[in-house]
Amino acid sequence: MTGFIIRCLVALASLSFTAFLFATGYWGWGISLIFVDTLIILSFFRNESLILALNQMRVGNQDKAKVHINRIKSEQFMPKSQRAYITYLKAMMNTQDWGYAKTEAELKKALNLGLRQTQDQAMCKMHLAGICAQTGRIKESKMLLAEAKKLDKDGTFKEQISNMSKQLSMAGNANQMRMAQMYRGRVKTPRHR
């Protein structure tokens, strides 16, 4: 929130200084400051922490990306498309810390807000399918994987989707999954009398 207020003050000062330059006859400096003003105004539509997080993810540094994305606190003041990506990235980065329930809720929220690219939608649905499989909801997981397969028109996630489908076909029913989670995968041995 403080960054937003500072950005507003800088934009207001820059615009008023540009108007002052035009009023006093310094047209050349005024025109050159118009470009600076446009950059400042465009910064209202793109969050710098989101840009840094996406860049760190592209490079492959997940820890720094997590730091940058968790730095964003007031996402409700951002445009809807940015809010969707921030929610999506926070859910992806903080899965281990949040647990399945909160991660699933945040991924569904990101889908409802509207991820623009179909590959991002496919990746989000794959993560949701993985969470559903981990919690024993096999039918829902298969349905989400089918939706992810439809969204993946380029075939980027073809191998991951096929691997997840194979694993889901080998998984038992929901009761067997609950029992395996309860006993942490151990086979219960009968008592000897």
C-alpha atoms as a PDB file:
ATOM      1  CA  MET A   1       0.000   0.000   0.000  1.00  0.00           C
ATOM      2  CA  THR A   2       2.880   2.369   0.779  1.00  0.00           C
ATOM      3  CA  GLY A   3       4.393   1.690  -2.633  1.00  0.00           C
ATOM      4  CA  PHE A   4       1.088   2.558  -4.267  1.00  0.00           C
ATOM      5  CA  ILE A   5       0.889   5.895  -2.401  1.00  0.00           C
ATOM      6  CA  ILE A   6       4.490   6.747  -3.308  1.00  0.00           C
ATOM      7  CA  ARG A   7       3.796   5.855  -6.938  1.00  0.00           C
ATOM      8  CA  CYS A   8       0.739   8.152  -6.928  1.00  0.00           C
ATOM      9  CA  LEU A   9       2.752  11.031  -5.458  1.00  0.00           C
ATOM     10  CA  VAL A  10       5.581  10.574  -7.987  1.00  0.00           C
ATOM     11  CA  ALA A  11       3.082  10.454 -10.866  1.00  0.00           C
ATOM     12  CA  LEU A  12       1.326  13.609  -9.636  1.00  0.00           C
ATOM     13  CA  ALA A  13       4.625  15.473  -9.183  1.00  0.00           C
ATOM     14  CA  SER A  14       5.888  14.388 -12.607  1.00  0.00           C
ATOM     15  CA  LEU A  15       2.669  15.407 -14.363  1.00  0.00           C
ATOM     16  CA  SER A  16       2.597  18.795 -12.631  1.00  0.00           C
ATOM     17  CA  PHE A  17       6.274  19.415 -13.479  1.00  0.00           C
ATOM     18  CA  THR A  18       5.589  18.517 -17.124  1.00  0.00           C
ATOM     19  CA  ALA A  19       2.681  20.975 -17.197  1.00  0.00           C
ATOM     20  CA  PHE A  20       4.934  23.615 -15.616  1.00  0.00           C
ATOM     21  CA  LEU A  21       7.567  23.072 -18.314  1.00  0.00           C
ATOM     22  CA  PHE A  22       4.982  23.498 -21.072  1.00  0.00           C
ATOM     23  CA  ALA A  23       3.571  26.619 -19.397  1.00  0.00           C
ATOM     24  CA  THR A  24       6.984  28.297 -19.091  1.00  0.00           C
ATOM     25  CA  GLY A  25       7.944  27.579 -22.691  1.00  0.00           C
ATOM     26  CA  TYR A  26      10.392  24.683 -22.281  1.00  0.00           C
ATOM     27  CA  TRP A  27       8.698  22.548 -24.916  1.00  0.00           C
ATOM     28  CA  GLY A  28      11.642  20.203 -25.525  1.00  0.00           C
ATOM     29  CA  TRP A  29      11.964  19.214 -21.890  1.00  0.00           C
ATOM     30  CA  GLY A  30       8.185  18.934 -21.604  1.00  0.00           C
ATOM     31  CA  ILE A  31       7.976  16.522 -24.534  1.00  0.00           C
ATOM     32  CA  SER A  32      10.826  14.401 -23.178  1.00  0.00           C
ATOM     33  CA  LEU A  33       9.135  14.234 -19.764  1.00  0.00           C
ATOM     34  CA  ILE A  34       5.927  12.971 -21.407  1.00  0.00           C
ATOM     35  CA  PHE A  35       7.769   9.690 -22.064  1.00  0.00           C
ATOM     36  CA  VAL A  36       8.805   9.496 -18.410  1.00  0.00           C
ATOM     37  CA  ASP A  37       5.199  10.201 -17.375  1.00  0.00           C
ATOM     38  CA  THR A  38       3.899   7.385 -19.571  1.00  0.00           C
ATOM     39  CA  LEU A  39       6.343   4.931 -17.941  1.00  0.00           C
ATOM     40  CA  ILE A  40       5.208   6.020 -14.497  1.00  0.00           C
ATOM     41  CA  ILE A  41       1.542   5.696 -15.446  1.00  0.00           C
ATOM     42  CA  LEU A  42       2.137   2.281 -17.034  1.00  0.00           C
ATOM     43  CA  SER A  43       3.673   1.135 -13.739  1.00  0.00           C
ATOM     44  CA  PHE A  44       0.166   1.357 -12.241  1.00  0.00           C
ATOM     45  CA  PHE A  45      -0.908  -1.521 -14.491  1.00  0.00           C
ATOM     46  CA  ARG A  46       2.094  -3.797 -13.887  1.00  0.00           C
ATOM     47  CA  ASN A  47       3.377  -4.734 -10.459  1.00  0.00           C
ATOM     48  CA  GLU A  48       7.159  -4.786 -10.203  1.00  0.00           C
ATOM     49  CA  SER A  49       7.202  -7.709  -7.756  1.00  0.00           C
ATOM     50  CA  LEU A  50       5.131  -9.797 -10.170  1.00  0.00           C
ATOM     51  CA  ILE A  51       7.521  -8.988 -13.029  1.00  0.00           C
ATOM     52  CA  LEU A  52      10.535  -9.890 -10.867  1.00  0.00           C
ATOM     53  CA  ALA A  53       8.888 -13.150  -9.727  1.00  0.00           C
ATOM     54  CA  LEU A  54       8.067 -14.183 -13.299  1.00  0.00           C
ATOM     55  CA  ASN A  55      11.625 -13.380 -14.357  1.00  0.00           C
ATOM     56  CA  GLN A  56      13.074 -15.466 -11.514  1.00  0.00           C
ATOM     57  CA  MET A  57      10.768 -18.366 -12.448  1.00  0.00           C
ATOM     58  CA  ARG A  58      11.924 -18.114 -16.064  1.00  0.00           C
ATOM     59  CA  VAL A  59      15.547 -18.285 -14.909  1.00  0.00           C
ATOM     60  CA  GLY A  60      14.696 -21.226 -12.634  1.00  0.00           C
ATOM     61  CA  ASN A  61      15.314 -19.657  -9.234  1.00  0.00           C
ATOM     62  CA  GLN A  62      12.203 -20.715  -7.317  1.00  0.00           C
ATOM     63  CA  ASP A  63      13.357 -19.383  -3.941  1.00  0.00           C
ATOM     64  CA  LYS A  64      13.795 -15.793  -5.151  1.00  0.00           C
ATOM     65  CA  ALA A  65      10.529 -16.015  -7.092  1.00  0.00           C
ATOM     66  CA  LYS A  66       8.764 -17.068  -3.894  1.00  0.00           C
ATOM     67  CA  VAL A  67      10.266 -14.101  -2.026  1.00  0.00           C
ATOM     68  CA  HIS A  68       9.138 -11.653  -4.726  1.00  0.00           C
ATOM     69  CA  ILE A  69       5.608 -13.049  -5.040  1.00  0.00           C
ATOM     70  CA  ASN A  70       5.081 -13.156  -1.269  1.00  0.00           C
ATOM     71  CA  ARG A  71       6.110  -9.505  -1.088  1.00  0.00           C
ATOM     72  CA  ILE A  72       2.791  -8.530  -2.705  1.00  0.00           C
ATOM     73  CA  LYS A  73       0.296  -7.858   0.083  1.00  0.00           C
ATOM     74  CA  SER A  74      -2.572  -5.713  -1.300  1.00  0.00           C
ATOM     75  CA  GLU A  75      -3.529  -7.596  -4.429  1.00  0.00           C
ATOM     76  CA  GLN A  76      -7.174  -6.464  -4.239  1.00  0.00           C
ATOM     77  CA  PHE A  77      -6.105  -3.043  -5.589  1.00  0.00           C
ATOM     78  CA  MET A  78      -4.672  -4.539  -8.786  1.00  0.00           C
ATOM     79  CA  PRO A  79      -6.396  -5.278 -12.088  1.00  0.00           C
ATOM     80  CA  LYS A  80      -8.295  -8.564 -12.241  1.00  0.00           C
ATOM     81  CA  SER A  81      -5.885 -10.311 -14.623  1.00  0.00           C
ATOM     82  CA  GLN A  82      -2.875  -9.462 -12.457  1.00  0.00           C
ATOM     83  CA  ARG A  83      -4.721 -10.583  -9.351  1.00  0.00           C
ATOM     84  CA  ALA A  84      -5.385 -13.943 -11.033  1.00  0.00           C
ATOM     85  CA  TYR A  85      -1.699 -14.479 -11.798  1.00  0.00           C
ATOM     86  CA  ILE A  86      -0.591 -13.351  -8.346  1.00  0.00           C
ATOM     87  CA  THR A  87      -3.048 -15.760  -6.714  1.00  0.00           C
ATOM     88  CA  TYR A  88      -1.939 -18.541  -9.083  1.00  0.00           C
ATOM     89  CA  LEU A  89       1.767 -17.993  -8.425  1.00  0.00           C
ATOM     90  CA  LYS A  90       1.295 -17.681  -4.661  1.00  0.00           C
ATOM     91  CA  ALA A  91      -0.605 -20.983  -4.624  1.00  0.00           C
ATOM     92  CA  MET A  92       2.071 -22.702  -6.722  1.00  0.00           C
ATOM     93  CA  MET A  93       4.960 -21.395  -4.624  1.00  0.00           C
ATOM     94  CA  ASN A  94       3.418 -21.923  -1.183  1.00  0.00           C
ATOM     95  CA  THR A  95       1.894 -25.395  -1.606  1.00  0.00           C
ATOM     96  CA  GLN A  96       4.218 -26.929   0.972  1.00  0.00           C
ATOM     97  CA  ASP A  97       3.530 -24.205   3.549  1.00  0.00           C
ATOM     98  CA  TRP A  98      -0.229 -23.821   3.071  1.00  0.00           C
ATOM     99  CA  GLY A  99      -1.388 -27.396   2.710  1.00  0.00           C
ATOM    100  CA  TYR A 100      -3.845 -28.879   0.229  1.00  0.00           C
ATOM    101  CA  ALA A 101      -7.044 -27.122   1.305  1.00  0.00           C
ATOM    102  CA  LYS A 102      -5.800 -23.546   1.048  1.00  0.00           C
ATOM    103  CA  THR A 103      -3.797 -24.256  -2.111  1.00  0.00           C
ATOM    104  CA  GLU A 104      -6.856 -25.785  -3.787  1.00  0.00           C
ATOM    105  CA  ALA A 105      -9.017 -22.803  -2.796  1.00  0.00           C
ATOM    106  CA  GLU A 106      -6.448 -20.321  -4.132  1.00  0.00           C
ATOM    107  CA  LEU A 107      -6.021 -22.199  -7.436  1.00  0.00           C
ATOM    108  CA  LYS A 108      -9.806 -22.249  -7.942  1.00  0.00           C
ATOM    109  CA  LYS A 109      -9.902 -18.542  -7.121  1.00  0.00           C
ATOM    110  CA  ALA A 110      -7.220 -17.891  -9.753  1.00  0.00           C
ATOM    111  CA  LEU A 111      -9.229 -19.834 -12.350  1.00  0.00           C
ATOM    112  CA  ASN A 112     -12.372 -17.874 -11.482  1.00  0.00           C
ATOM    113  CA  LEU A 113     -10.525 -14.553 -11.718  1.00  0.00           C
ATOM    114  CA  GLY A 114      -9.433 -15.535 -15.208  1.00  0.00           C
ATOM    115  CA  LEU A 115      -5.998 -16.724 -16.242  1.00  0.00           C
ATOM    116  CA  ARG A 116      -5.487 -15.407 -19.760  1.00  0.00           C
ATOM    117  CA  GLN A 117      -3.300 -18.054 -21.358  1.00  0.00           C
ATOM    118  CA  THR A 118      -4.637 -21.541 -21.949  1.00  0.00           C
ATOM    119  CA  GLN A 119      -1.327 -23.113 -20.900  1.00  0.00           C
ATOM    120  CA  ASP A 120      -1.591 -21.436 -17.508  1.00  0.00           C
ATOM    121  CA  GLN A 121      -5.158 -22.726 -17.186  1.00  0.00           C
ATOM    122  CA  ALA A 122      -3.958 -26.226 -18.114  1.00  0.00           C
ATOM    123  CA  MET A 123      -1.135 -26.069 -15.557  1.00  0.00           C
ATOM    124  CA  CYS A 124      -3.539 -24.855 -12.877  1.00  0.00           C
ATOM    125  CA  LYS A 125      -5.961 -27.701 -13.610  1.00  0.00           C
ATOM    126  CA  MET A 126      -3.089 -30.207 -13.510  1.00  0.00           C
ATOM    127  CA  HIS A 127      -2.126 -28.974 -10.041  1.00  0.00           C
ATOM    128  CA  LEU A 128      -5.751 -29.189  -8.942  1.00  0.00           C
ATOM    129  CA  ALA A 129      -5.890 -32.740 -10.313  1.00  0.00           C
ATOM    130  CA  GLY A 130      -2.786 -33.617  -8.323  1.00  0.00           C
ATOM    131  CA  ILE A 131      -4.305 -32.201  -5.135  1.00  0.00           C
ATOM    132  CA  CYS A 132      -7.543 -34.105  -5.751  1.00  0.00           C
ATOM    133  CA  ALA A 133      -5.585 -37.310  -6.307  1.00  0.00           C
ATOM    134  CA  GLN A 134      -3.647 -36.779  -3.079  1.00  0.00           C
ATOM    135  CA  THR A 135      -6.854 -36.251  -1.116  1.00  0.00           C
ATOM    136  CA  GLY A 136      -8.549 -39.331  -2.596  1.00  0.00           C
ATOM    137  CA  ARG A 137     -10.949 -37.690  -5.072  1.00  0.00           C
ATOM    138  CA  ILE A 138     -10.019 -39.763  -8.107  1.00  0.00           C
ATOM    139  CA  LYS A 139     -13.087 -38.977 -10.280  1.00  0.00           C
ATOM    140  CA  GLU A 140     -12.626 -35.241  -9.863  1.00  0.00           C
ATOM    141  CA  SER A 141      -8.925 -35.625 -10.581  1.00  0.00           C
ATOM    142  CA  LYS A 142      -9.606 -37.504 -13.826  1.00  0.00           C
ATOM    143  CA  MET A 143     -12.126 -34.860 -14.873  1.00  0.00           C
ATOM    144  CA  LEU A 144      -9.616 -32.053 -14.223  1.00  0.00           C
ATOM    145  CA  LEU A 145      -6.931 -33.921 -16.166  1.00  0.00           C
ATOM    146  CA  ALA A 146      -9.304 -34.281 -19.130  1.00  0.00           C
ATOM    147  CA  GLU A 147      -9.954 -30.517 -19.029  1.00  0.00           C
ATOM    148  CA  ALA A 148      -6.202 -29.839 -18.832  1.00  0.00           C
ATOM    149  CA  LYS A 149      -5.649 -32.107 -21.843  1.00  0.00           C
ATOM    150  CA  LYS A 150      -8.227 -30.123 -23.853  1.00  0.00           C
ATOM    151  CA  LEU A 151      -6.568 -26.833 -22.879  1.00  0.00           C
ATOM    152  CA  ASP A 152      -3.069 -28.072 -23.777  1.00  0.00           C
ATOM    153  CA  LYS A 153      -3.336 -27.605 -27.533  1.00  0.00           C
ATOM    154  CA  ASP A 154       0.431 -27.287 -28.075  1.00  0.00           C
ATOM    155  CA  GLY A 155       1.195 -30.545 -26.307  1.00  0.00           C
ATOM    156  CA  THR A 156       3.489 -28.889 -23.769  1.00  0.00           C
ATOM    157  CA  PHE A 157       2.177 -30.927 -20.846  1.00  0.00           C
ATOM    158  CA  LYS A 158       1.381 -34.071 -22.835  1.00  0.00           C
ATOM    159  CA  GLU A 159       3.940 -36.229 -21.009  1.00  0.00           C
ATOM    160  CA  GLN A 160       2.962 -34.996 -17.532  1.00  0.00           C
ATOM    161  CA  ILE A 161      -0.737 -35.519 -18.254  1.00  0.00           C
ATOM    162  CA  SER A 162      -0.160 -39.043 -19.529  1.00  0.00           C
ATOM    163  CA  ASN A 163       1.978 -39.907 -16.466  1.00  0.00           C
ATOM    164  CA  MET A 164      -0.694 -38.567 -14.116  1.00  0.00           C
ATOM    165  CA  SER A 165      -3.387 -40.511 -16.010  1.00  0.00           C
ATOM    166  CA  LYS A 166      -1.399 -43.737 -15.622  1.00  0.00           C
ATOM    167  CA  GLN A 167      -0.956 -43.120 -11.911  1.00  0.00           C
ATOM    168  CA  LEU A 168      -4.660 -42.406 -11.497  1.00  0.00           C
ATOM    169  CA  SER A 169      -5.612 -45.578 -13.329  1.00  0.00           C
ATOM    170  CA  MET A 170      -3.432 -47.589 -10.915  1.00  0.00           C
ATOM    171  CA  ALA A 171      -4.876 -45.854  -7.838  1.00  0.00           C
ATOM    172  CA  GLY A 172      -7.560 -47.623  -5.904  1.00  0.00           C
ATOM    173  CA  ASN A 173     -10.872 -46.250  -4.780  1.00  0.00           C
ATOM    174  CA  ALA A 174     -11.303 -43.411  -2.276  1.00  0.00           C
ATOM    175  CA  ASN A 175     -11.554 -45.764   0.710  1.00  0.00           C
ATOM    176  CA  GLN A 176      -8.262 -47.460  -0.163  1.00  0.00           C
ATOM    177  CA  MET A 177      -6.615 -44.044  -0.554  1.00  0.00           C
ATOM    178  CA  ARG A 178      -7.846 -42.953   2.884  1.00  0.00           C
ATOM    179  CA  MET A 179      -6.588 -46.154   4.446  1.00  0.00           C
ATOM    180  CA  ALA A 180      -3.194 -45.727   2.769  1.00  0.00           C
ATOM    181  CA  GLN A 181      -2.959 -42.150   4.036  1.00  0.00           C
ATOM    182  CA  MET A 182      -4.026 -43.210   7.501  1.00  0.00           C
ATOM    183  CA  TYR A 183      -1.388 -45.933   7.710  1.00  0.00           C
ATOM    184  CA  ARG A 184       1.104 -43.874   5.675  1.00  0.00           C
ATOM    185  CA  GLY A 185       1.309 -46.511   2.964  1.00  0.00           C
ATOM    186  CA  ARG A 186       2.091 -49.409   5.318  1.00  0.00           C
ATOM    187  CA  VAL A 187       0.285 -52.680   4.987  1.00  0.00           C
ATOM    188  CA  LYS A 188      -1.452 -53.570   8.222  1.00  0.00           C
ATOM    189  CA  THR A 189      -0.179 -56.888   9.463  1.00  0.00           C
ATOM    190  CA  PRO A 190      -2.513 -59.224  11.383  1.00  0.00           C
ATOM    191  CA  ARG A 191      -1.858 -59.979  15.035  1.00  0.00           C
ATOM    192  CA  HIS A 192      -0.386 -63.305  15.983  1.00  0.00           C
ATOM    193  CA  ARG A 193      -1.962 -65.061  18.984  1.00  0.00           C
END
